[in-house]
Protein backbone atom coordinates (compact mmCIF):
# COMPACT_ATOMS: atom_id res chain seq x y z
CA MET A 1 23.25 -15.89 -11.33
CA PHE A 2 19.82 -14.41 -12.12
CA TRP A 3 19.24 -12.29 -9.04
CA PRO A 4 20.63 -8.73 -8.92
CA ASP A 5 22.40 -8.37 -5.57
CA THR A 6 22.59 -4.58 -5.03
CA ILE A 7 19.32 -4.36 -3.11
CA SER A 8 19.72 -7.75 -1.42
CA LYS A 9 23.06 -6.70 0.07
CA LYS A 10 21.79 -3.27 1.07
CA LEU A 11 18.72 -4.69 2.84
CA GLY A 12 20.35 -7.83 4.24
CA ILE A 13 18.04 -10.31 2.52
CA GLU A 14 18.63 -13.39 0.38
CA TYR A 15 16.31 -12.51 -2.51
CA PRO A 16 15.39 -8.98 -3.72
CA ILE A 17 11.65 -9.69 -3.45
CA ILE A 18 9.59 -7.34 -1.29
CA GLN A 19 6.20 -8.13 0.21
CA ALA A 20 4.05 -5.06 -0.44
CA PRO A 21 2.87 -3.24 2.71
CA MET A 22 -0.88 -3.43 1.87
CA PHE A 23 -2.23 -1.65 4.96
CA GLY A 24 -5.37 -3.40 6.18
CA MET A 25 -4.60 -6.63 4.31
CA SER A 26 -1.10 -7.55 5.45
CA THR A 27 -0.36 -8.80 8.97
CA VAL A 28 2.67 -9.22 11.20
CA GLN A 29 2.45 -12.93 10.42
CA MET A 30 2.75 -12.14 6.69
CA VAL A 31 5.83 -9.99 7.33
CA ALA A 32 7.48 -12.81 9.28
CA ALA A 33 6.52 -15.41 6.64
CA ALA A 34 8.05 -13.28 3.87
CA ALA A 35 11.25 -13.09 5.92
CA LYS A 36 11.29 -16.90 6.28
CA ALA A 37 11.30 -17.15 2.49
CA GLY A 38 14.45 -15.00 2.37
CA CYS A 39 12.53 -11.93 1.17
CA LEU A 40 11.79 -8.53 2.71
CA GLY A 41 8.58 -8.25 4.70
CA SER A 42 6.93 -4.82 4.92
CA LEU A 43 5.07 -3.81 8.08
CA ALA A 44 2.34 -1.35 7.18
CA LEU A 45 2.10 1.40 9.80
CA ALA A 46 0.37 3.87 7.44
CA ASP A 47 -0.97 6.66 9.66
CA LEU A 48 -1.42 4.67 12.87
CA SER A 49 -0.61 6.23 16.23
CA ALA A 50 2.89 6.01 17.65
CA GLU A 51 1.66 3.58 20.32
CA GLN A 52 -0.01 1.26 17.80
CA SER A 53 3.07 1.35 15.58
CA VAL A 54 5.46 0.44 18.39
CA GLU A 55 3.19 -2.44 19.38
CA LEU A 56 3.20 -3.82 15.83
CA ILE A 57 6.98 -3.44 15.46
CA ARG A 58 7.57 -5.33 18.71
CA GLU A 59 5.03 -8.01 17.77
CA THR A 60 6.82 -8.53 14.45
CA ARG A 61 10.20 -8.80 16.21
CA LYS A 62 8.83 -11.63 18.33
CA LEU A 63 8.14 -13.55 15.11
CA THR A 64 11.34 -12.86 13.17
CA ASP A 65 14.88 -11.66 13.72
CA SER A 66 15.30 -11.00 9.98
CA PRO A 67 15.25 -7.49 8.48
CA PHE A 68 11.86 -6.00 7.62
CA ALA A 69 10.70 -2.60 6.40
CA VAL A 70 8.22 -0.31 8.13
CA ASN A 71 5.96 1.60 5.76
CA ILE A 72 4.35 4.99 6.40
CA PHE A 73 2.12 7.46 4.54
CA ALA A 74 3.88 10.72 3.64
CA HIS A 75 0.66 12.53 2.79
CA ARG A 76 -0.20 16.15 3.48
CA ILE A 77 -3.34 16.70 5.55
CA PRO A 78 -5.82 19.14 3.95
CA GLU A 79 -6.90 22.15 5.98
CA VAL A 80 -10.39 21.97 7.51
CA THR A 81 -12.35 24.79 5.90
CA ASP A 82 -16.02 25.74 6.02
CA GLY A 83 -16.37 24.17 2.60
CA LEU A 84 -14.90 20.88 3.82
CA ARG A 85 -17.20 20.90 6.88
CA GLU A 86 -20.26 21.40 4.69
CA LYS A 87 -19.21 18.68 2.24
CA PHE A 88 -18.43 16.30 5.13
CA ILE A 89 -21.93 16.67 6.59
CA LYS A 90 -23.54 15.96 3.20
CA ALA A 91 -21.31 12.95 2.51
CA LYS A 92 -21.90 11.52 6.00
CA HIS A 93 -25.69 11.82 5.63
CA PHE A 94 -25.72 10.31 2.13
CA ILE A 95 -23.51 7.33 3.02
CA GLU A 96 -25.49 6.59 6.21
CA GLN A 97 -28.71 6.59 4.17
CA LEU A 98 -27.12 4.36 1.53
CA ALA A 99 -26.05 1.93 4.24
CA LYS A 100 -29.52 1.89 5.80
CA GLU A 101 -31.14 1.19 2.41
CA ASN A 102 -28.85 -1.82 2.13
CA ASN A 103 -29.59 -3.15 5.63
CA ILE A 104 -26.33 -1.99 7.20
CA GLU A 105 -26.82 -0.21 10.50
CA VAL A 106 -23.93 2.18 11.08
CA ILE A 107 -23.35 5.62 12.54
CA LEU A 108 -20.45 7.39 10.88
CA PRO A 109 -18.22 9.78 12.86
CA ASP A 110 -18.61 13.56 12.92
CA LEU A 111 -15.75 15.61 11.54
CA GLU A 112 -14.74 16.74 15.03
CA ALA A 113 -14.33 13.10 16.12
CA ILE A 114 -11.88 12.26 13.34
CA GLN A 115 -8.21 12.11 14.28
CA THR A 116 -5.69 12.86 11.57
CA ARG A 117 -1.99 12.12 12.07
CA SER A 118 1.11 13.38 10.38
CA TYR A 119 3.93 10.97 9.56
CA HIS A 120 6.17 13.14 11.75
CA GLU A 121 4.62 11.48 14.83
CA LEU A 122 6.11 8.13 13.79
CA ILE A 123 9.70 9.17 13.06
CA ASP A 124 11.04 9.15 16.64
CA PRO A 125 9.31 5.84 17.55
CA ILE A 126 10.75 4.23 14.39
CA ILE A 127 14.23 5.41 15.34
CA GLU A 128 13.82 4.40 18.99
CA GLU A 129 12.67 0.91 17.96
CA HIS A 130 15.87 0.55 15.88
CA CYS A 131 14.05 -0.01 12.57
CA LYS A 132 16.62 0.06 9.78
CA ILE A 133 14.45 0.11 6.63
CA LEU A 134 11.70 2.68 6.06
CA SER A 135 9.51 2.82 2.95
CA PHE A 136 6.87 5.45 2.25
CA ILE A 137 4.20 6.46 -0.28
CA PHE A 138 2.00 9.49 -1.14
CA GLY A 139 4.89 11.92 -1.43
CA SER A 140 8.39 12.67 -0.23
CA LEU A 141 9.54 13.18 3.34
CA ASP A 142 10.72 16.65 4.29
CA GLU A 143 14.45 17.40 4.28
CA GLN A 144 14.83 17.56 8.06
CA THR A 145 13.15 14.18 8.52
CA ILE A 146 15.31 12.55 5.84
CA GLN A 147 18.48 13.90 7.46
CA LYS A 148 17.35 12.63 10.85
CA LEU A 149 16.60 9.14 9.52
CA LYS A 150 19.84 8.90 7.58
CA ALA A 151 21.79 10.06 10.64
CA ASN A 152 20.37 6.96 12.34
CA ASP A 153 21.51 4.68 9.50
CA ILE A 154 17.99 3.99 8.20
CA THR A 155 17.66 2.93 4.56
CA LEU A 156 14.94 4.93 2.80
CA ILE A 157 12.68 3.58 0.04
CA GLY A 158 10.44 6.16 -1.65
CA THR A 159 7.62 5.38 -4.09
CA CYS A 160 7.11 7.06 -7.47
CA THR A 161 4.40 6.86 -10.11
CA SER A 162 6.09 9.19 -12.61
CA VAL A 163 9.56 10.19 -13.78
CA GLU A 164 9.09 13.59 -12.14
CA GLU A 165 8.38 11.97 -8.77
CA ALA A 166 11.41 9.70 -9.18
CA LEU A 167 13.65 12.72 -9.76
CA ILE A 168 12.26 14.44 -6.66
CA LEU A 169 12.92 11.32 -4.57
CA GLU A 170 16.46 10.92 -5.87
CA LYS A 171 17.24 14.57 -5.16
CA SER A 172 15.85 14.20 -1.63
CA GLY A 173 18.45 11.52 -0.86
CA VAL A 174 16.47 8.28 -0.75
CA ASP A 175 18.51 5.10 -1.13
CA ILE A 176 16.07 3.10 -3.28
CA ILE A 177 13.05 4.03 -5.39
CA CYS A 178 10.02 1.79 -5.76
CA VAL A 179 8.49 2.36 -9.22
CA GLN A 180 4.77 1.69 -8.89
CA GLY A 181 3.09 0.81 -12.16
CA LEU A 182 -0.48 1.74 -13.01
CA GLU A 183 -1.28 -2.00 -12.83
CA ALA A 184 -0.67 -2.20 -9.08
CA GLY A 185 -3.45 -3.03 -6.64
CA GLY A 186 -4.36 -0.79 -3.73
CA HIS A 187 -3.52 2.87 -3.39
CA ARG A 188 -1.54 4.76 -5.98
CA GLY A 189 1.62 6.18 -4.47
CA ALA A 190 1.16 9.42 -6.41
CA PHE A 191 2.26 12.65 -4.72
CA ASP A 192 -0.90 14.45 -5.90
CA ALA A 193 -4.02 12.84 -4.43
CA ASP A 194 -6.25 14.24 -7.18
CA TYR A 195 -4.19 13.15 -10.19
CA ILE A 196 -2.63 9.91 -11.36
CA PRO A 197 -0.01 9.72 -14.11
CA GLN A 198 -1.51 7.69 -16.97
CA ILE A 199 1.55 5.56 -17.72
CA GLY A 200 1.89 1.79 -17.69
CA GLY A 201 4.38 0.23 -15.33
CA LEU A 202 6.87 -1.21 -17.81
CA SER A 203 7.12 2.05 -19.75
CA LEU A 204 7.50 3.99 -16.51
CA LEU A 205 10.18 1.62 -15.19
CA SER A 206 12.25 1.90 -18.36
CA GLN A 207 12.04 5.70 -18.31
CA VAL A 208 12.84 6.03 -14.61
CA TYR A 209 15.87 3.77 -15.14
CA ASP A 210 17.09 6.18 -17.83
CA HIS A 211 16.73 9.20 -15.52
CA VAL A 212 17.98 8.19 -12.05
CA LYS A 213 21.01 6.42 -10.63
CA VAL A 214 19.62 4.88 -7.43
CA PRO A 215 18.55 1.19 -7.43
CA LEU A 216 14.95 0.50 -8.44
CA ILE A 217 12.27 -1.82 -7.12
CA TYR A 218 9.36 -2.48 -9.47
CA ALA A 219 5.78 -2.93 -8.20
CA GLY A 220 2.68 -3.57 -10.28
CA GLY A 221 1.32 -6.74 -11.89
CA ILE A 222 4.05 -9.14 -10.78
CA TYR A 223 2.61 -12.61 -10.32
CA ASN A 224 5.02 -14.99 -12.06
CA ALA A 225 8.60 -15.51 -13.22
CA ARG A 226 8.02 -13.98 -16.65
CA MET A 227 7.04 -10.65 -15.09
CA ILE A 228 10.16 -10.63 -12.95
CA HIS A 229 12.39 -11.47 -15.93
CA ALA A 230 10.77 -8.66 -17.95
CA THR A 231 11.15 -6.03 -15.22
CA LYS A 232 14.73 -7.08 -14.54
CA ASP A 233 15.53 -6.53 -18.22
CA LEU A 234 14.04 -3.04 -17.94
CA GLY A 235 16.26 -2.11 -15.00
CA ALA A 236 14.58 -3.35 -11.82
CA GLN A 237 16.91 -4.71 -9.15
CA GLY A 238 14.11 -5.50 -6.72
CA PHE A 239 10.58 -6.83 -7.20
CA GLN A 240 7.56 -6.01 -5.02
CA VAL A 241 4.58 -8.39 -4.91
CA GLY A 242 1.22 -7.66 -3.34
CA SER A 243 -1.82 -9.17 -5.06
CA LEU A 244 0.04 -12.49 -5.24
CA LEU A 245 -0.34 -12.74 -1.46
CA LEU A 246 -3.93 -11.54 -0.99
CA ALA A 247 -5.48 -14.97 -0.41
CA SER A 248 -2.52 -16.35 1.54
CA ALA A 249 -2.93 -17.98 4.94
CA GLU A 250 -1.55 -14.84 6.62
CA SER A 251 -3.76 -12.35 4.74
CA ALA A 252 -6.19 -10.29 6.83
CA LEU A 253 -8.91 -10.77 4.21
CA LYS A 254 -11.93 -12.70 5.47
CA PRO A 255 -12.94 -15.96 3.73
CA PHE A 256 -15.85 -14.26 1.92
CA GLU A 257 -13.45 -11.61 0.59
CA LYS A 258 -11.01 -14.24 -0.62
CA GLU A 259 -13.85 -16.04 -2.40
CA ARG A 260 -14.91 -12.79 -4.09
CA LEU A 261 -11.30 -12.20 -5.12
CA LYS A 262 -11.07 -15.60 -6.78
CA LYS A 263 -14.16 -14.87 -8.90
CA VAL A 264 -13.03 -11.44 -10.12
CA ARG A 265 -13.21 -10.61 -13.84
CA GLU A 266 -11.08 -8.19 -15.85
CA GLU A 267 -13.78 -5.55 -16.21
CA GLU A 268 -14.44 -5.50 -12.45
CA ILE A 269 -11.00 -4.17 -11.50
CA VAL A 270 -11.16 -0.38 -11.35
CA LEU A 271 -9.43 2.71 -9.99
CA THR A 272 -11.57 4.49 -7.43
CA ARG A 273 -11.48 7.31 -4.89
CA SER A 274 -14.80 6.32 -3.32
CA PHE A 275 -13.54 4.60 -0.17
CA SER A 276 -10.57 6.76 0.79
CA GLY A 277 -10.44 9.94 -1.27
CA ARG A 278 -7.26 8.72 -2.97
CA TYR A 279 -7.07 6.62 -6.10
CA ALA A 280 -6.82 2.91 -5.36
CA ARG A 281 -7.30 -0.15 -7.56
CA GLY A 282 -9.76 -2.81 -6.46
CA ILE A 283 -12.93 -4.75 -7.21
CA LYS A 284 -15.94 -2.71 -8.31
CA ASN A 285 -19.01 -3.08 -6.12
CA LYS A 286 -22.25 -1.26 -5.27
CA PHE A 287 -20.57 1.33 -3.03
CA ILE A 288 -18.02 2.27 -5.69
CA GLU A 289 -20.67 2.46 -8.42
CA THR A 290 -22.82 4.74 -6.25
CA ILE A 291 -20.14 7.06 -4.85
CA GLU A 292 -17.58 7.33 -7.67
CA ASN A 293 -17.96 10.58 -9.64
CA SER A 294 -20.42 11.89 -7.06
CA ASP A 295 -20.23 14.92 -4.76
CA TYR A 296 -19.77 12.62 -1.75
CA ILE A 297 -16.01 12.05 -1.95
CA LEU A 298 -13.90 13.97 0.58
CA PRO A 299 -10.14 14.51 0.35
CA TYR A 300 -7.89 11.89 1.92
CA PRO A 301 -7.74 11.09 4.82
CA TYR A 302 -11.24 12.36 5.65
CA GLN A 303 -13.07 10.06 3.23
CA ASN A 304 -11.01 7.12 4.48
CA LYS A 305 -11.84 7.86 8.11
CA LEU A 306 -15.50 8.51 7.30
CA THR A 307 -16.03 5.16 5.56
CA ASN A 308 -14.05 3.02 8.02
CA ALA A 309 -17.05 2.19 10.19
CA LEU A 310 -19.15 1.28 7.15
CA ARG A 311 -16.48 -1.11 5.91
CA ARG A 312 -16.19 -2.74 9.34
CA ALA A 313 -19.96 -3.20 9.55
CA ALA A 314 -20.15 -4.64 6.03
CA LYS A 315 -17.27 -6.99 6.78
CA ALA A 316 -19.07 -8.27 9.89
CA LEU A 317 -22.12 -8.98 7.68
CA HIS A 318 -19.94 -10.68 5.01
CA ASN A 319 -21.26 -8.12 2.51
CA PRO A 320 -18.75 -7.65 -0.35
CA GLU A 321 -20.70 -4.71 -1.83
CA PHE A 322 -19.55 -2.28 0.87
CA VAL A 323 -15.96 -3.31 1.60
CA ASN A 324 -12.82 -2.44 -0.32
CA ILE A 325 -11.01 -5.43 -1.81
CA TRP A 326 -7.88 -3.98 -3.36
CA VAL A 327 -6.30 -5.99 -6.17
CA GLY A 328 -4.02 -5.36 -9.16
CA GLN A 329 -4.72 -5.90 -12.84
CA SER A 330 -2.94 -9.27 -13.17
CA ILE A 331 -5.66 -11.82 -12.49
CA HIS A 332 -4.26 -15.21 -11.52
CA HIS A 333 -4.88 -18.15 -9.21
CA TYR A 334 -4.95 -16.53 -5.78
CA SER A 335 -3.20 -19.17 -3.70
CA GLY A 336 -4.31 -19.96 -0.18
CA LEU A 337 -0.89 -21.33 0.79
CA SER A 338 1.30 -19.57 3.31
CA THR A 339 3.14 -16.43 2.23
CA GLU A 340 6.39 -18.32 2.73
CA ASP A 341 5.36 -21.11 0.34
CA ILE A 342 3.93 -18.72 -2.28
CA LEU A 343 7.18 -16.76 -2.36
CA LYS A 344 9.33 -19.91 -2.39
CA ASP A 345 7.28 -21.23 -5.33
CA LEU A 346 7.89 -17.96 -7.18
CA ILE A 347 11.62 -18.16 -6.47
CA ARG A 348 11.76 -21.78 -7.72
CA GLU A 349 9.87 -20.79 -10.87
CA ILE A 350 12.44 -18.06 -11.56
């Protein structure tokens, strides 16, 4: 039998394939469709409020009675200093002017209007809603939180982008580690928002396998059977796919964004901090070219919150130059079939 069964048995799924959380692009319908294919759906809660998170969990449960993971951001929120306030005002003014010059009418929020949330606000609601699988990125959960989650029989999946991060996660007591390769689309799961380990996914996976004992999921560049065979040989027991599902019927991307995705070229896929303040991989556009390497990038989550309204306005205008379209390095035919059918096709190919 090809499929490793350690992770499948632990998570209660038929195949050890995980639909990547992809906050902003995945939907509850995508989570349910992944479950119908015998895989693990991931419900992206990110840094939503407790109320919003509970609503999404309950909505997902109406669509599937299969296991699914909830995914949160384990980031640390930077302190608001005078320096941050000054930089925020300058960035806000510059981005509003940039939008106006490009015929996008938008008023961005003031710093005082921005709400930041710690992952701690979501722990009790996740427990109370009887979620049994929790994945997280941007760091490690604190010891007290991990003990609380494990006391409630919740399986923990942490994300690493380096061997050092993998060792920290293993020591913290997580059950499974997701090894995120540099090839992966969307946000880097790196613990340090200002630095990304410059190591390719397959090399990282092989090294992490040599250093830790917990089961590994690999994420980054998987789009066909050959990639899954290769990562299995290097030690992966689970396989996370994200970009493969971007144009699916359940994706939250608008038709104009899916069309842009299908025309992407190799040189257009870049790592950028311009939209969120954290490194993420996506399609280069006018906003990225203007903001990247400028003085108008705030630390996460402030840059992310600041640019939200701009991205919404650009999306309403079907303007791909001012929205983030996250995508990994493996360019392929972005199928418009349902998530269920795309995953079943991948399973048949394997």
